Amino acid sequence: MIGIDEIKSALSALLKKTEDIDVFYTRVEKTEGSESLERYFHVALIPVSSELFGSMMRDRAFFIDVSYINDHADANTFYEWMEKMDEAILPCIHISDRYITVESANFKIIDEVGHFTFTLKFMDIAETVQEGETAQDITISFK
């Protein structure tokens, strides 16, 4: 089963290939005069669904919004970043020992922040732990 930490690790490695800056998955507070956070990525990794099929298979989906914060960027900088993201993300992402197809991706600039969004959909093996003993053969006689 692919865990959240494996997804984060794979995404961080891909983002570092587009630009070698910090990647955050939690809220980032910028303080007045903070020079170290002029450029960074913020990733929102949102579980969308997890559906069980049978006893072993699970369909999972995650919505991913990669925000590119660059205090000195213009529209051309964001478009160049979008092209790099297309090359890094499409057509598939390598996570752990799997390749997951990304069907589509979207890009927009909102309030001088670039947003690259896509959905990861994949089938996974559900790890189930059996409790107790396995049933043994039983003989039943009807009267």
C-alpha atoms as a PDB file:
ATOM      1  CA  MET A   1       0.000   0.000   0.000  1.00  0.00           C
ATOM      2  CA  ILE A   2       1.291   3.443  -0.914  1.00  0.00           C
ATOM      3  CA  GLY A   3       1.430   5.654   2.167  1.00  0.00           C
ATOM      4  CA  ILE A   4       1.068   9.432   2.430  1.00  0.00           C
ATOM      5  CA  ASP A   5       4.763   9.765   3.312  1.00  0.00           C
ATOM      6  CA  GLU A   6       5.738   7.948   0.102  1.00  0.00           C
ATOM      7  CA  ILE A   7       3.555  10.302  -1.941  1.00  0.00           C
ATOM      8  CA  LYS A   8       5.097  13.337  -0.216  1.00  0.00           C
ATOM      9  CA  SER A   9       8.615  12.051  -0.782  1.00  0.00           C
ATOM     10  CA  ALA A  10       8.002  11.435  -4.492  1.00  0.00           C
ATOM     11  CA  LEU A  11       6.344  14.835  -4.965  1.00  0.00           C
ATOM     12  CA  SER A  12       9.161  16.620  -3.118  1.00  0.00           C
ATOM     13  CA  ALA A  13      11.768  14.964  -5.364  1.00  0.00           C
ATOM     14  CA  LEU A  14       9.845  15.987  -8.494  1.00  0.00           C
ATOM     15  CA  LEU A  15       9.419  19.566  -7.294  1.00  0.00           C
ATOM     16  CA  LYS A  16      13.119  19.847  -6.467  1.00  0.00           C
ATOM     17  CA  LYS A  17      13.825  18.970 -10.113  1.00  0.00           C
ATOM     18  CA  THR A  18      11.778  21.941 -11.317  1.00  0.00           C
ATOM     19  CA  GLU A  19      13.393  24.349  -8.839  1.00  0.00           C
ATOM     20  CA  ASP A  20      15.631  23.591  -5.874  1.00  0.00           C
ATOM     21  CA  ILE A  21      13.689  25.432  -3.162  1.00  0.00           C
ATOM     22  CA  ASP A  22      11.931  24.409   0.065  1.00  0.00           C
ATOM     23  CA  VAL A  23       8.787  22.258  -0.096  1.00  0.00           C
ATOM     24  CA  PHE A  24       6.189  22.561   2.680  1.00  0.00           C
ATOM     25  CA  TYR A  25       3.118  20.427   3.387  1.00  0.00           C
ATOM     26  CA  THR A  26       1.953  22.363   6.429  1.00  0.00           C
ATOM     27  CA  ARG A  27       0.981  25.974   6.914  1.00  0.00           C
ATOM     28  CA  VAL A  28       3.823  28.435   6.404  1.00  0.00           C
ATOM     29  CA  GLU A  29       3.902  31.678   8.365  1.00  0.00           C
ATOM     30  CA  LYS A  30       5.816  34.526   6.781  1.00  0.00           C
ATOM     31  CA  THR A  31       6.921  37.165   9.221  1.00  0.00           C
ATOM     32  CA  GLU A  32       7.706  40.760   8.402  1.00  0.00           C
ATOM     33  CA  GLY A  33      11.255  41.065   7.118  1.00  0.00           C
ATOM     34  CA  SER A  34      11.604  37.319   6.523  1.00  0.00           C
ATOM     35  CA  GLU A  35      13.938  37.002   3.565  1.00  0.00           C
ATOM     36  CA  SER A  36      14.360  33.227   3.613  1.00  0.00           C
ATOM     37  CA  LEU A  37      10.801  32.551   2.383  1.00  0.00           C
ATOM     38  CA  GLU A  38      10.753  34.558  -0.818  1.00  0.00           C
ATOM     39  CA  ARG A  39      10.459  31.387  -2.943  1.00  0.00           C
ATOM     40  CA  TYR A  40       9.009  28.041  -1.902  1.00  0.00           C
ATOM     41  CA  PHE A  41       6.468  25.372  -2.758  1.00  0.00           C
ATOM     42  CA  HIS A  42       3.432  24.617  -0.637  1.00  0.00           C
ATOM     43  CA  VAL A  43       1.652  21.328  -1.381  1.00  0.00           C
ATOM     44  CA  ALA A  44      -1.925  20.614  -0.350  1.00  0.00           C
ATOM     45  CA  LEU A  45      -2.377  16.828  -0.416  1.00  0.00           C
ATOM     46  CA  ILE A  46      -6.090  16.182   0.057  1.00  0.00           C
ATOM     47  CA  PRO A  47      -7.516  12.644   0.264  1.00  0.00           C
ATOM     48  CA  VAL A  48     -10.610  12.586  -1.944  1.00  0.00           C
ATOM     49  CA  SER A  49     -11.787   8.989  -1.775  1.00  0.00           C
ATOM     50  CA  SER A  50     -10.913   5.518  -0.624  1.00  0.00           C
ATOM     51  CA  GLU A  51     -13.238   2.748  -1.778  1.00  0.00           C
ATOM     52  CA  LEU A  52     -12.822  -0.890  -0.872  1.00  0.00           C
ATOM     53  CA  PHE A  53     -13.370  -3.519  -3.588  1.00  0.00           C
ATOM     54  CA  GLY A  54     -13.540  -7.032  -2.231  1.00  0.00           C
ATOM     55  CA  SER A  55     -11.356  -7.827   0.713  1.00  0.00           C
ATOM     56  CA  MET A  56      -7.981  -6.830  -0.756  1.00  0.00           C
ATOM     57  CA  MET A  57      -8.290  -3.991  -3.292  1.00  0.00           C
ATOM     58  CA  ARG A  58      -8.870  -0.295  -2.662  1.00  0.00           C
ATOM     59  CA  ASP A  59      -9.394   2.571  -5.112  1.00  0.00           C
ATOM     60  CA  ARG A  60      -7.781   5.739  -3.773  1.00  0.00           C
ATOM     61  CA  ALA A  61      -7.728   9.336  -5.000  1.00  0.00           C
ATOM     62  CA  PHE A  62      -5.829  12.404  -3.827  1.00  0.00           C
ATOM     63  CA  PHE A  63      -6.275  15.981  -5.044  1.00  0.00           C
ATOM     64  CA  ILE A  64      -2.922  17.750  -5.167  1.00  0.00           C
ATOM     65  CA  ASP A  65      -2.482  21.529  -5.343  1.00  0.00           C
ATOM     66  CA  VAL A  66       1.135  22.645  -5.705  1.00  0.00           C
ATOM     67  CA  SER A  67       1.466  26.360  -4.971  1.00  0.00           C
ATOM     68  CA  TYR A  68       4.566  28.139  -6.239  1.00  0.00           C
ATOM     69  CA  ILE A  69       5.260  31.214  -4.132  1.00  0.00           C
ATOM     70  CA  ASN A  70       7.869  33.533  -5.603  1.00  0.00           C
ATOM     71  CA  ASP A  71       7.833  37.133  -4.394  1.00  0.00           C
ATOM     72  CA  HIS A  72       9.854  38.304  -7.422  1.00  0.00           C
ATOM     73  CA  ALA A  73       8.050  36.365 -10.167  1.00  0.00           C
ATOM     74  CA  ASP A  74       6.142  37.733 -13.114  1.00  0.00           C
ATOM     75  CA  ALA A  75       3.691  35.869 -15.346  1.00  0.00           C
ATOM     76  CA  ASN A  76       6.502  34.555 -17.566  1.00  0.00           C
ATOM     77  CA  THR A  77       8.241  32.989 -14.552  1.00  0.00           C
ATOM     78  CA  PHE A  78       5.027  31.162 -13.648  1.00  0.00           C
ATOM     79  CA  TYR A  79       4.529  29.967 -17.249  1.00  0.00           C
ATOM     80  CA  GLU A  80       8.085  28.641 -17.365  1.00  0.00           C
ATOM     81  CA  TRP A  81       7.450  26.815 -14.066  1.00  0.00           C
ATOM     82  CA  MET A  82       4.223  25.350 -15.483  1.00  0.00           C
ATOM     83  CA  GLU A  83       6.161  23.927 -18.447  1.00  0.00           C
ATOM     84  CA  LYS A  84       8.670  22.310 -16.070  1.00  0.00           C
ATOM     85  CA  MET A  85       5.816  20.853 -14.007  1.00  0.00           C
ATOM     86  CA  ASP A  86       4.184  19.404 -17.131  1.00  0.00           C
ATOM     87  CA  GLU A  87       7.447  17.663 -17.987  1.00  0.00           C
ATOM     88  CA  ALA A  88       7.938  16.374 -14.428  1.00  0.00           C
ATOM     89  CA  ILE A  89       4.374  15.225 -13.666  1.00  0.00           C
ATOM     90  CA  LEU A  90       2.856  14.165 -16.966  1.00  0.00           C
ATOM     91  CA  PRO A  91       2.198  11.439 -18.082  1.00  0.00           C
ATOM     92  CA  CYS A  92       2.988   9.584 -14.849  1.00  0.00           C
ATOM     93  CA  ILE A  93       4.560   9.850 -11.406  1.00  0.00           C
ATOM     94  CA  HIS A  94       6.933   7.259  -9.973  1.00  0.00           C
ATOM     95  CA  ILE A  95       5.985   6.524  -6.349  1.00  0.00           C
ATOM     96  CA  SER A  96       7.779   3.729  -4.544  1.00  0.00           C
ATOM     97  CA  ASP A  97       7.733   0.766  -6.947  1.00  0.00           C
ATOM     98  CA  ARG A  98       4.726   2.013  -8.957  1.00  0.00           C
ATOM     99  CA  TYR A  99       4.084   4.341 -11.879  1.00  0.00           C
ATOM    100  CA  ILE A 100       0.791   6.200 -11.535  1.00  0.00           C
ATOM    101  CA  THR A 101      -0.742   7.869 -14.584  1.00  0.00           C
ATOM    102  CA  VAL A 102      -1.814  11.484 -14.175  1.00  0.00           C
ATOM    103  CA  GLU A 103      -4.731  11.906 -16.544  1.00  0.00           C
ATOM    104  CA  SER A 104      -4.793  15.707 -16.569  1.00  0.00           C
ATOM    105  CA  ALA A 105      -3.348  18.736 -14.838  1.00  0.00           C
ATOM    106  CA  ASN A 106      -4.471  22.344 -14.500  1.00  0.00           C
ATOM    107  CA  PHE A 107      -2.569  25.581 -14.042  1.00  0.00           C
ATOM    108  CA  LYS A 108      -3.650  29.016 -12.891  1.00  0.00           C
ATOM    109  CA  ILE A 109      -2.231  32.123 -11.255  1.00  0.00           C
ATOM    110  CA  ILE A 110      -4.207  33.476  -8.308  1.00  0.00           C
ATOM    111  CA  ASP A 111      -3.033  36.492  -6.295  1.00  0.00           C
ATOM    112  CA  GLU A 112       0.499  36.208  -7.720  1.00  0.00           C
ATOM    113  CA  VAL A 113       0.800  32.532  -6.715  1.00  0.00           C
ATOM    114  CA  GLY A 114       1.124  29.785  -9.316  1.00  0.00           C
ATOM    115  CA  HIS A 115      -1.106  26.750  -8.768  1.00  0.00           C
ATOM    116  CA  PHE A 116      -0.533  23.413 -10.511  1.00  0.00           C
ATOM    117  CA  THR A 117      -3.325  20.977  -9.663  1.00  0.00           C
ATOM    118  CA  PHE A 118      -3.963  17.352 -10.518  1.00  0.00           C
ATOM    119  CA  THR A 119      -5.594  14.231  -9.110  1.00  0.00           C
ATOM    120  CA  LEU A 120      -3.741  11.022  -8.323  1.00  0.00           C
ATOM    121  CA  LYS A 121      -6.020   7.999  -8.805  1.00  0.00           C
ATOM    122  CA  PHE A 122      -4.765   4.492  -8.245  1.00  0.00           C
ATOM    123  CA  MET A 123      -5.754   1.047  -7.067  1.00  0.00           C
ATOM    124  CA  ASP A 124      -3.922  -0.281  -4.047  1.00  0.00           C
ATOM    125  CA  ILE A 125      -3.797  -3.429  -2.012  1.00  0.00           C
ATOM    126  CA  ALA A 126      -5.613  -3.035   1.287  1.00  0.00           C
ATOM    127  CA  GLU A 127      -3.509  -4.286   4.140  1.00  0.00           C
ATOM    128  CA  THR A 128      -5.781  -6.277   6.391  1.00  0.00           C
ATOM    129  CA  VAL A 129      -4.792  -7.967   9.594  1.00  0.00           C
ATOM    130  CA  GLN A 130      -6.648 -11.129  10.460  1.00  0.00           C
ATOM    131  CA  GLU A 131      -7.493 -11.469  14.099  1.00  0.00           C
ATOM    132  CA  GLY A 132      -8.055 -14.789  15.802  1.00  0.00           C
ATOM    133  CA  GLU A 133      -7.669 -18.226  14.318  1.00  0.00           C
ATOM    134  CA  THR A 134      -8.667 -19.367  10.862  1.00  0.00           C
ATOM    135  CA  ALA A 135     -11.753 -21.590  10.847  1.00  0.00           C
ATOM    136  CA  GLN A 136     -11.069 -25.335  10.671  1.00  0.00           C
ATOM    137  CA  ASP A 137     -13.072 -27.992   8.832  1.00  0.00           C
ATOM    138  CA  ILE A 138     -16.366 -28.791  10.473  1.00  0.00           C
ATOM    139  CA  THR A 139     -18.647 -31.748   9.891  1.00  0.00           C
ATOM    140  CA  ILE A 140     -22.370 -31.158  10.045  1.00  0.00           C
ATOM    141  CA  SER A 141     -24.953 -33.922   9.966  1.00  0.00           C
ATOM    142  CA  PHE A 142     -28.621 -33.140   9.347  1.00  0.00           C
ATOM    143  CA  LYS A 143     -31.431 -35.269  10.803  1.00  0.00           C
END
